[in-house]
Amino acid sequence: MKHYDAASAAPLLPLDLWLSGPQLLRGVPAGLVAWLTDPGLLTDRIRSVCGGAPAVRVVDERLGFLTAEQQALLEAPAASCFARQVQLTGAGQTWVFAESLVPDHTLELHPWLAELGDSSLGATLAGLAGVSRGPFEFAPLPASHPLAASALARRELAPDVVWARRSWFALRGRRLLVQEVFLMDAAQC
């Protein structure tokens, strides 16, 4: 599978798919850059655009496996994890598709992470003391990438590339990964 750098359209190695830094976001519409780099709650941002409370709709919850790269990023001793996929919707449309990957050793210390239902993970974490967040990494995901394919599965017209970001959160030293795919049209930002 080939991955592309949005700035140069040159193939990237698979491990270079997720990159940090603003240089990757050159050429991305300013409104979308603001969404990608906003450290606040996406539910708050959707509320401000839509004028009403966004909904969190659970798409899938399952046992999964981290890639070797994700396992290293999360400092997880094993590859098994709990995977949760949700859609953040407002004004009748899906704005963001999010996937949370919770390694088993994190879930052992925080079993409530598998029982969120339609509650917002971001809002829940924001209400806790002692939560730290890693830096954002960004990626222009081709529609064939597994995360992008999951995000686009229920759309009639799908773009060739979608923008995504990810960051880890640490609770009492145990990490989880949140990956977010932005599905709104840049004109809506």
C-alpha atoms as a PDB file:
ATOM      1  CA  MET A   1       0.000   0.000   0.000  1.00  0.00           C
ATOM      2  CA  LYS A   2       1.380   3.441  -0.902  1.00  0.00           C
ATOM      3  CA  HIS A   3       0.961   6.438   1.378  1.00  0.00           C
ATOM      4  CA  TYR A   4       1.318  10.022   0.177  1.00  0.00           C
ATOM      5  CA  ASP A   5       2.735  13.222   1.607  1.00  0.00           C
ATOM      6  CA  ALA A   6       0.060  15.850   0.973  1.00  0.00           C
ATOM      7  CA  ALA A   7       2.648  18.570   0.349  1.00  0.00           C
ATOM      8  CA  SER A   8       4.724  16.749  -2.266  1.00  0.00           C
ATOM      9  CA  ALA A   9       2.518  13.814  -3.356  1.00  0.00           C
ATOM     10  CA  ALA A  10       5.609  11.614  -2.901  1.00  0.00           C
ATOM     11  CA  PRO A  11       5.171   8.083  -1.546  1.00  0.00           C
ATOM     12  CA  LEU A  12       5.994   7.685   2.140  1.00  0.00           C
ATOM     13  CA  LEU A  13       7.120   4.603   3.948  1.00  0.00           C
ATOM     14  CA  PRO A  14       4.257   3.075   5.972  1.00  0.00           C
ATOM     15  CA  LEU A  15       5.905   4.034   9.284  1.00  0.00           C
ATOM     16  CA  ASP A  16       6.007   7.676   8.123  1.00  0.00           C
ATOM     17  CA  LEU A  17       2.234   7.815   7.711  1.00  0.00           C
ATOM     18  CA  TRP A  18       1.713   9.660  11.008  1.00  0.00           C
ATOM     19  CA  LEU A  19       3.829  12.786  11.277  1.00  0.00           C
ATOM     20  CA  SER A  20       3.952  15.656  13.702  1.00  0.00           C
ATOM     21  CA  GLY A  21       4.553  19.279  12.899  1.00  0.00           C
ATOM     22  CA  PRO A  22       2.840  21.996  10.911  1.00  0.00           C
ATOM     23  CA  GLN A  23       4.878  21.333   7.739  1.00  0.00           C
ATOM     24  CA  LEU A  24       2.614  18.374   6.963  1.00  0.00           C
ATOM     25  CA  LEU A  25      -0.466  20.612   7.000  1.00  0.00           C
ATOM     26  CA  ARG A  26       0.721  23.032   4.300  1.00  0.00           C
ATOM     27  CA  GLY A  27      -1.854  23.158   1.538  1.00  0.00           C
ATOM     28  CA  VAL A  28      -4.690  22.024   3.812  1.00  0.00           C
ATOM     29  CA  PRO A  29      -7.568  24.562   3.952  1.00  0.00           C
ATOM     30  CA  ALA A  30      -7.111  26.887   6.954  1.00  0.00           C
ATOM     31  CA  GLY A  31     -10.485  25.938   8.420  1.00  0.00           C
ATOM     32  CA  LEU A  32      -9.560  22.260   8.447  1.00  0.00           C
ATOM     33  CA  VAL A  33      -6.132  23.016   9.944  1.00  0.00           C
ATOM     34  CA  ALA A  34      -7.946  24.755  12.813  1.00  0.00           C
ATOM     35  CA  TRP A  35      -9.952  21.567  13.459  1.00  0.00           C
ATOM     36  CA  LEU A  36      -6.893  19.311  13.206  1.00  0.00           C
ATOM     37  CA  THR A  37      -4.781  21.354  15.604  1.00  0.00           C
ATOM     38  CA  ASP A  38      -7.459  22.352  18.139  1.00  0.00           C
ATOM     39  CA  PRO A  39      -6.482  20.870  21.540  1.00  0.00           C
ATOM     40  CA  GLY A  40     -10.000  21.419  22.908  1.00  0.00           C
ATOM     41  CA  LEU A  41     -12.945  19.045  22.876  1.00  0.00           C
ATOM     42  CA  LEU A  42     -14.260  18.245  19.403  1.00  0.00           C
ATOM     43  CA  THR A  43     -17.750  17.951  20.873  1.00  0.00           C
ATOM     44  CA  ASP A  44     -17.500  21.606  21.956  1.00  0.00           C
ATOM     45  CA  ARG A  45     -16.322  22.647  18.503  1.00  0.00           C
ATOM     46  CA  ILE A  46     -19.173  20.762  16.798  1.00  0.00           C
ATOM     47  CA  ARG A  47     -21.648  22.334  19.249  1.00  0.00           C
ATOM     48  CA  SER A  48     -20.401  25.831  18.343  1.00  0.00           C
ATOM     49  CA  VAL A  49     -20.755  25.170  14.602  1.00  0.00           C
ATOM     50  CA  CYS A  50     -24.065  23.298  14.713  1.00  0.00           C
ATOM     51  CA  GLY A  51     -25.737  25.270  17.482  1.00  0.00           C
ATOM     52  CA  GLY A  52     -26.784  22.156  19.352  1.00  0.00           C
ATOM     53  CA  ALA A  53     -25.346  19.318  21.371  1.00  0.00           C
ATOM     54  CA  PRO A  54     -23.522  16.750  19.222  1.00  0.00           C
ATOM     55  CA  ALA A  55     -24.285  13.079  19.584  1.00  0.00           C
ATOM     56  CA  VAL A  56     -21.803  10.264  20.091  1.00  0.00           C
ATOM     57  CA  ARG A  57     -22.895   7.154  18.226  1.00  0.00           C
ATOM     58  CA  VAL A  58     -21.051   3.908  18.914  1.00  0.00           C
ATOM     59  CA  VAL A  59     -20.221   2.160  15.643  1.00  0.00           C
ATOM     60  CA  ASP A  60     -18.224  -0.778  17.003  1.00  0.00           C
ATOM     61  CA  GLU A  61     -16.662  -2.096  20.196  1.00  0.00           C
ATOM     62  CA  ARG A  62     -14.462  -5.160  20.051  1.00  0.00           C
ATOM     63  CA  LEU A  63     -11.273  -6.843  21.119  1.00  0.00           C
ATOM     64  CA  GLY A  64      -8.459  -5.881  18.797  1.00  0.00           C
ATOM     65  CA  PHE A  65      -4.714  -5.832  18.318  1.00  0.00           C
ATOM     66  CA  LEU A  66      -2.253  -2.978  18.213  1.00  0.00           C
ATOM     67  CA  THR A  67       0.317  -2.733  15.461  1.00  0.00           C
ATOM     68  CA  ALA A  68       3.925  -2.959  16.614  1.00  0.00           C
ATOM     69  CA  GLU A  69       4.215   0.818  16.094  1.00  0.00           C
ATOM     70  CA  GLN A  70       1.084   1.511  18.178  1.00  0.00           C
ATOM     71  CA  GLN A  71       2.266  -0.877  20.874  1.00  0.00           C
ATOM     72  CA  ALA A  72       5.581   1.001  21.142  1.00  0.00           C
ATOM     73  CA  LEU A  73       3.827   4.403  21.153  1.00  0.00           C
ATOM     74  CA  LEU A  74       1.520   3.276  23.963  1.00  0.00           C
ATOM     75  CA  GLU A  75       4.278   1.514  25.898  1.00  0.00           C
ATOM     76  CA  ALA A  76       2.031  -1.545  25.969  1.00  0.00           C
ATOM     77  CA  PRO A  77       3.567  -4.865  27.024  1.00  0.00           C
ATOM     78  CA  ALA A  78       1.125  -6.827  24.818  1.00  0.00           C
ATOM     79  CA  ALA A  79      -0.593  -6.188  21.487  1.00  0.00           C
ATOM     80  CA  SER A  80      -4.150  -6.986  22.604  1.00  0.00           C
ATOM     81  CA  CYS A  81      -6.503  -4.075  23.200  1.00  0.00           C
ATOM     82  CA  PHE A  82     -10.090  -2.888  23.439  1.00  0.00           C
ATOM     83  CA  ALA A  83     -11.113  -0.958  20.312  1.00  0.00           C
ATOM     84  CA  ARG A  84     -14.036   1.485  20.264  1.00  0.00           C
ATOM     85  CA  GLN A  85     -15.222   3.332  17.167  1.00  0.00           C
ATOM     86  CA  VAL A  86     -17.687   6.217  17.344  1.00  0.00           C
ATOM     87  CA  GLN A  87     -19.161   8.906  15.135  1.00  0.00           C
ATOM     88  CA  LEU A  88     -19.544  12.484  16.368  1.00  0.00           C
ATOM     89  CA  THR A  89     -22.636  13.891  14.707  1.00  0.00           C
ATOM     90  CA  GLY A  90     -24.437  17.207  14.674  1.00  0.00           C
ATOM     91  CA  ALA A  91     -27.042  18.894  12.504  1.00  0.00           C
ATOM     92  CA  GLY A  92     -27.812  15.607  10.763  1.00  0.00           C
ATOM     93  CA  GLN A  93     -24.280  14.778   9.616  1.00  0.00           C
ATOM     94  CA  THR A  94     -21.154  13.004  10.806  1.00  0.00           C
ATOM     95  CA  TRP A  95     -18.296  15.422  11.477  1.00  0.00           C
ATOM     96  CA  VAL A  96     -15.676  13.116  13.003  1.00  0.00           C
ATOM     97  CA  PHE A  97     -15.066   9.375  13.170  1.00  0.00           C
ATOM     98  CA  ALA A  98     -12.979   8.426  16.208  1.00  0.00           C
ATOM     99  CA  GLU A  99     -11.255   5.215  17.206  1.00  0.00           C
ATOM    100  CA  SER A 100      -9.931   4.606  20.712  1.00  0.00           C
ATOM    101  CA  LEU A 101      -7.416   1.825  21.288  1.00  0.00           C
ATOM    102  CA  VAL A 102      -7.019   0.836  24.937  1.00  0.00           C
ATOM    103  CA  PRO A 103      -4.233  -1.684  25.627  1.00  0.00           C
ATOM    104  CA  ASP A 104      -5.134  -4.499  27.988  1.00  0.00           C
ATOM    105  CA  HIS A 105      -2.746  -3.269  30.702  1.00  0.00           C
ATOM    106  CA  THR A 106      -4.493   0.150  30.636  1.00  0.00           C
ATOM    107  CA  LEU A 107      -7.920  -1.486  30.702  1.00  0.00           C
ATOM    108  CA  GLU A 108      -6.920  -3.568  33.747  1.00  0.00           C
ATOM    109  CA  LEU A 109      -6.316  -0.357  35.718  1.00  0.00           C
ATOM    110  CA  HIS A 110      -9.270   1.541  34.172  1.00  0.00           C
ATOM    111  CA  PRO A 111     -12.027  -0.981  33.247  1.00  0.00           C
ATOM    112  CA  TRP A 112     -14.575   1.864  32.908  1.00  0.00           C
ATOM    113  CA  LEU A 113     -12.951   2.708  29.541  1.00  0.00           C
ATOM    114  CA  ALA A 114     -14.822  -0.275  28.070  1.00  0.00           C
ATOM    115  CA  GLU A 115     -18.150   0.900  29.509  1.00  0.00           C
ATOM    116  CA  LEU A 116     -18.535   4.421  28.098  1.00  0.00           C
ATOM    117  CA  GLY A 117     -21.498   3.625  25.867  1.00  0.00           C
ATOM    118  CA  ASP A 118     -22.532   6.804  24.042  1.00  0.00           C
ATOM    119  CA  SER A 119     -20.580   9.071  26.415  1.00  0.00           C
ATOM    120  CA  SER A 120     -17.781  11.179  24.978  1.00  0.00           C
ATOM    121  CA  LEU A 121     -14.327   9.844  25.847  1.00  0.00           C
ATOM    122  CA  GLY A 122     -12.818  13.315  25.428  1.00  0.00           C
ATOM    123  CA  ALA A 123     -15.312  14.949  27.785  1.00  0.00           C
ATOM    124  CA  THR A 124     -14.832  12.127  30.304  1.00  0.00           C
ATOM    125  CA  LEU A 125     -11.041  12.468  30.225  1.00  0.00           C
ATOM    126  CA  ALA A 126     -11.296  16.277  30.493  1.00  0.00           C
ATOM    127  CA  GLY A 127     -13.176  15.825  33.774  1.00  0.00           C
ATOM    128  CA  LEU A 128     -10.438  13.710  35.365  1.00  0.00           C
ATOM    129  CA  ALA A 129      -7.422  14.943  37.282  1.00  0.00           C
ATOM    130  CA  GLY A 130      -3.935  13.823  36.334  1.00  0.00           C
ATOM    131  CA  VAL A 131      -4.582  13.030  32.653  1.00  0.00           C
ATOM    132  CA  SER A 132      -1.750  13.912  30.282  1.00  0.00           C
ATOM    133  CA  ARG A 133      -1.853  14.084  26.500  1.00  0.00           C
ATOM    134  CA  GLY A 134       0.867  13.389  23.979  1.00  0.00           C
ATOM    135  CA  PRO A 135       1.528  15.512  20.910  1.00  0.00           C
ATOM    136  CA  PHE A 136      -0.721  15.442  17.864  1.00  0.00           C
ATOM    137  CA  GLU A 137       0.369  13.486  14.820  1.00  0.00           C
ATOM    138  CA  PHE A 138      -1.353  14.031  11.485  1.00  0.00           C
ATOM    139  CA  ALA A 139      -1.896  11.927   8.371  1.00  0.00           C
ATOM    140  CA  PRO A 140      -3.591  12.238   5.006  1.00  0.00           C
ATOM    141  CA  LEU A 141      -5.150   8.762   4.964  1.00  0.00           C
ATOM    142  CA  PRO A 142      -5.943   7.143   1.633  1.00  0.00           C
ATOM    143  CA  ALA A 143      -9.476   5.732   1.510  1.00  0.00           C
ATOM    144  CA  SER A 144      -7.982   2.223   1.486  1.00  0.00           C
ATOM    145  CA  HIS A 145      -6.273   2.671   4.882  1.00  0.00           C
ATOM    146  CA  PRO A 146      -8.132   0.561   7.493  1.00  0.00           C
ATOM    147  CA  LEU A 147      -8.991   3.566   9.701  1.00  0.00           C
ATOM    148  CA  ALA A 148     -10.177   5.638   6.732  1.00  0.00           C
ATOM    149  CA  ALA A 149     -12.130   2.690   5.306  1.00  0.00           C
ATOM    150  CA  SER A 150     -13.955   2.290   8.637  1.00  0.00           C
ATOM    151  CA  ALA A 151     -14.693   6.022   8.746  1.00  0.00           C
ATOM    152  CA  LEU A 152     -15.995   6.069   5.171  1.00  0.00           C
ATOM    153  CA  ALA A 153     -17.908   2.758   5.274  1.00  0.00           C
ATOM    154  CA  ARG A 154     -21.344   4.346   5.605  1.00  0.00           C
ATOM    155  CA  ARG A 155     -20.853   7.162   3.093  1.00  0.00           C
ATOM    156  CA  GLU A 156     -22.230   7.059  -0.437  1.00  0.00           C
ATOM    157  CA  LEU A 157     -19.626   9.434  -1.856  1.00  0.00           C
ATOM    158  CA  ALA A 158     -16.197   9.026  -0.332  1.00  0.00           C
ATOM    159  CA  PRO A 159     -13.097  11.133  -0.978  1.00  0.00           C
ATOM    160  CA  ASP A 160      -9.827   9.526  -2.041  1.00  0.00           C
ATOM    161  CA  VAL A 161      -8.041  10.948   1.020  1.00  0.00           C
ATOM    162  CA  VAL A 162      -9.227  12.051   4.465  1.00  0.00           C
ATOM    163  CA  TRP A 163      -7.264  13.928   7.099  1.00  0.00           C
ATOM    164  CA  ALA A 164      -6.759  12.400  10.512  1.00  0.00           C
ATOM    165  CA  ARG A 165      -4.968  13.134  13.739  1.00  0.00           C
ATOM    166  CA  ARG A 166      -4.006  11.015  16.690  1.00  0.00           C
ATOM    167  CA  SER A 167      -2.613  11.474  20.170  1.00  0.00           C
ATOM    168  CA  TRP A 168      -2.158   9.341  23.234  1.00  0.00           C
ATOM    169  CA  PHE A 169      -3.578  10.021  26.665  1.00  0.00           C
ATOM    170  CA  ALA A 170      -2.048   8.749  29.894  1.00  0.00           C
ATOM    171  CA  LEU A 171      -4.059   7.936  33.017  1.00  0.00           C
ATOM    172  CA  ARG A 172      -1.895   7.104  36.016  1.00  0.00           C
ATOM    173  CA  GLY A 173       0.935   6.236  33.646  1.00  0.00           C
ATOM    174  CA  ARG A 174      -1.101   3.951  31.382  1.00  0.00           C
ATOM    175  CA  ARG A 175      -1.689   5.100  27.814  1.00  0.00           C
ATOM    176  CA  LEU A 176      -4.513   4.817  25.292  1.00  0.00           C
ATOM    177  CA  LEU A 177      -4.617   6.066  21.706  1.00  0.00           C
ATOM    178  CA  VAL A 178      -7.322   8.243  20.142  1.00  0.00           C
ATOM    179  CA  GLN A 179      -7.385   8.520  16.334  1.00  0.00           C
ATOM    180  CA  GLU A 180      -9.818  10.952  14.720  1.00  0.00           C
ATOM    181  CA  VAL A 181     -10.815  11.167  11.056  1.00  0.00           C
ATOM    182  CA  PHE A 182     -12.308  14.494   9.949  1.00  0.00           C
ATOM    183  CA  LEU A 183     -15.234  13.987   7.595  1.00  0.00           C
ATOM    184  CA  MET A 184     -16.625  17.478   7.138  1.00  0.00           C
ATOM    185  CA  ASP A 185     -16.198  19.383   3.907  1.00  0.00           C
ATOM    186  CA  ALA A 186     -13.483  22.029   4.260  1.00  0.00           C
ATOM    187  CA  ALA A 187     -16.091  24.638   3.259  1.00  0.00           C
ATOM    188  CA  GLN A 188     -18.040  23.857   6.446  1.00  0.00           C
ATOM    189  CA  CYS A 189     -15.127  24.572   8.780  1.00  0.00           C
END
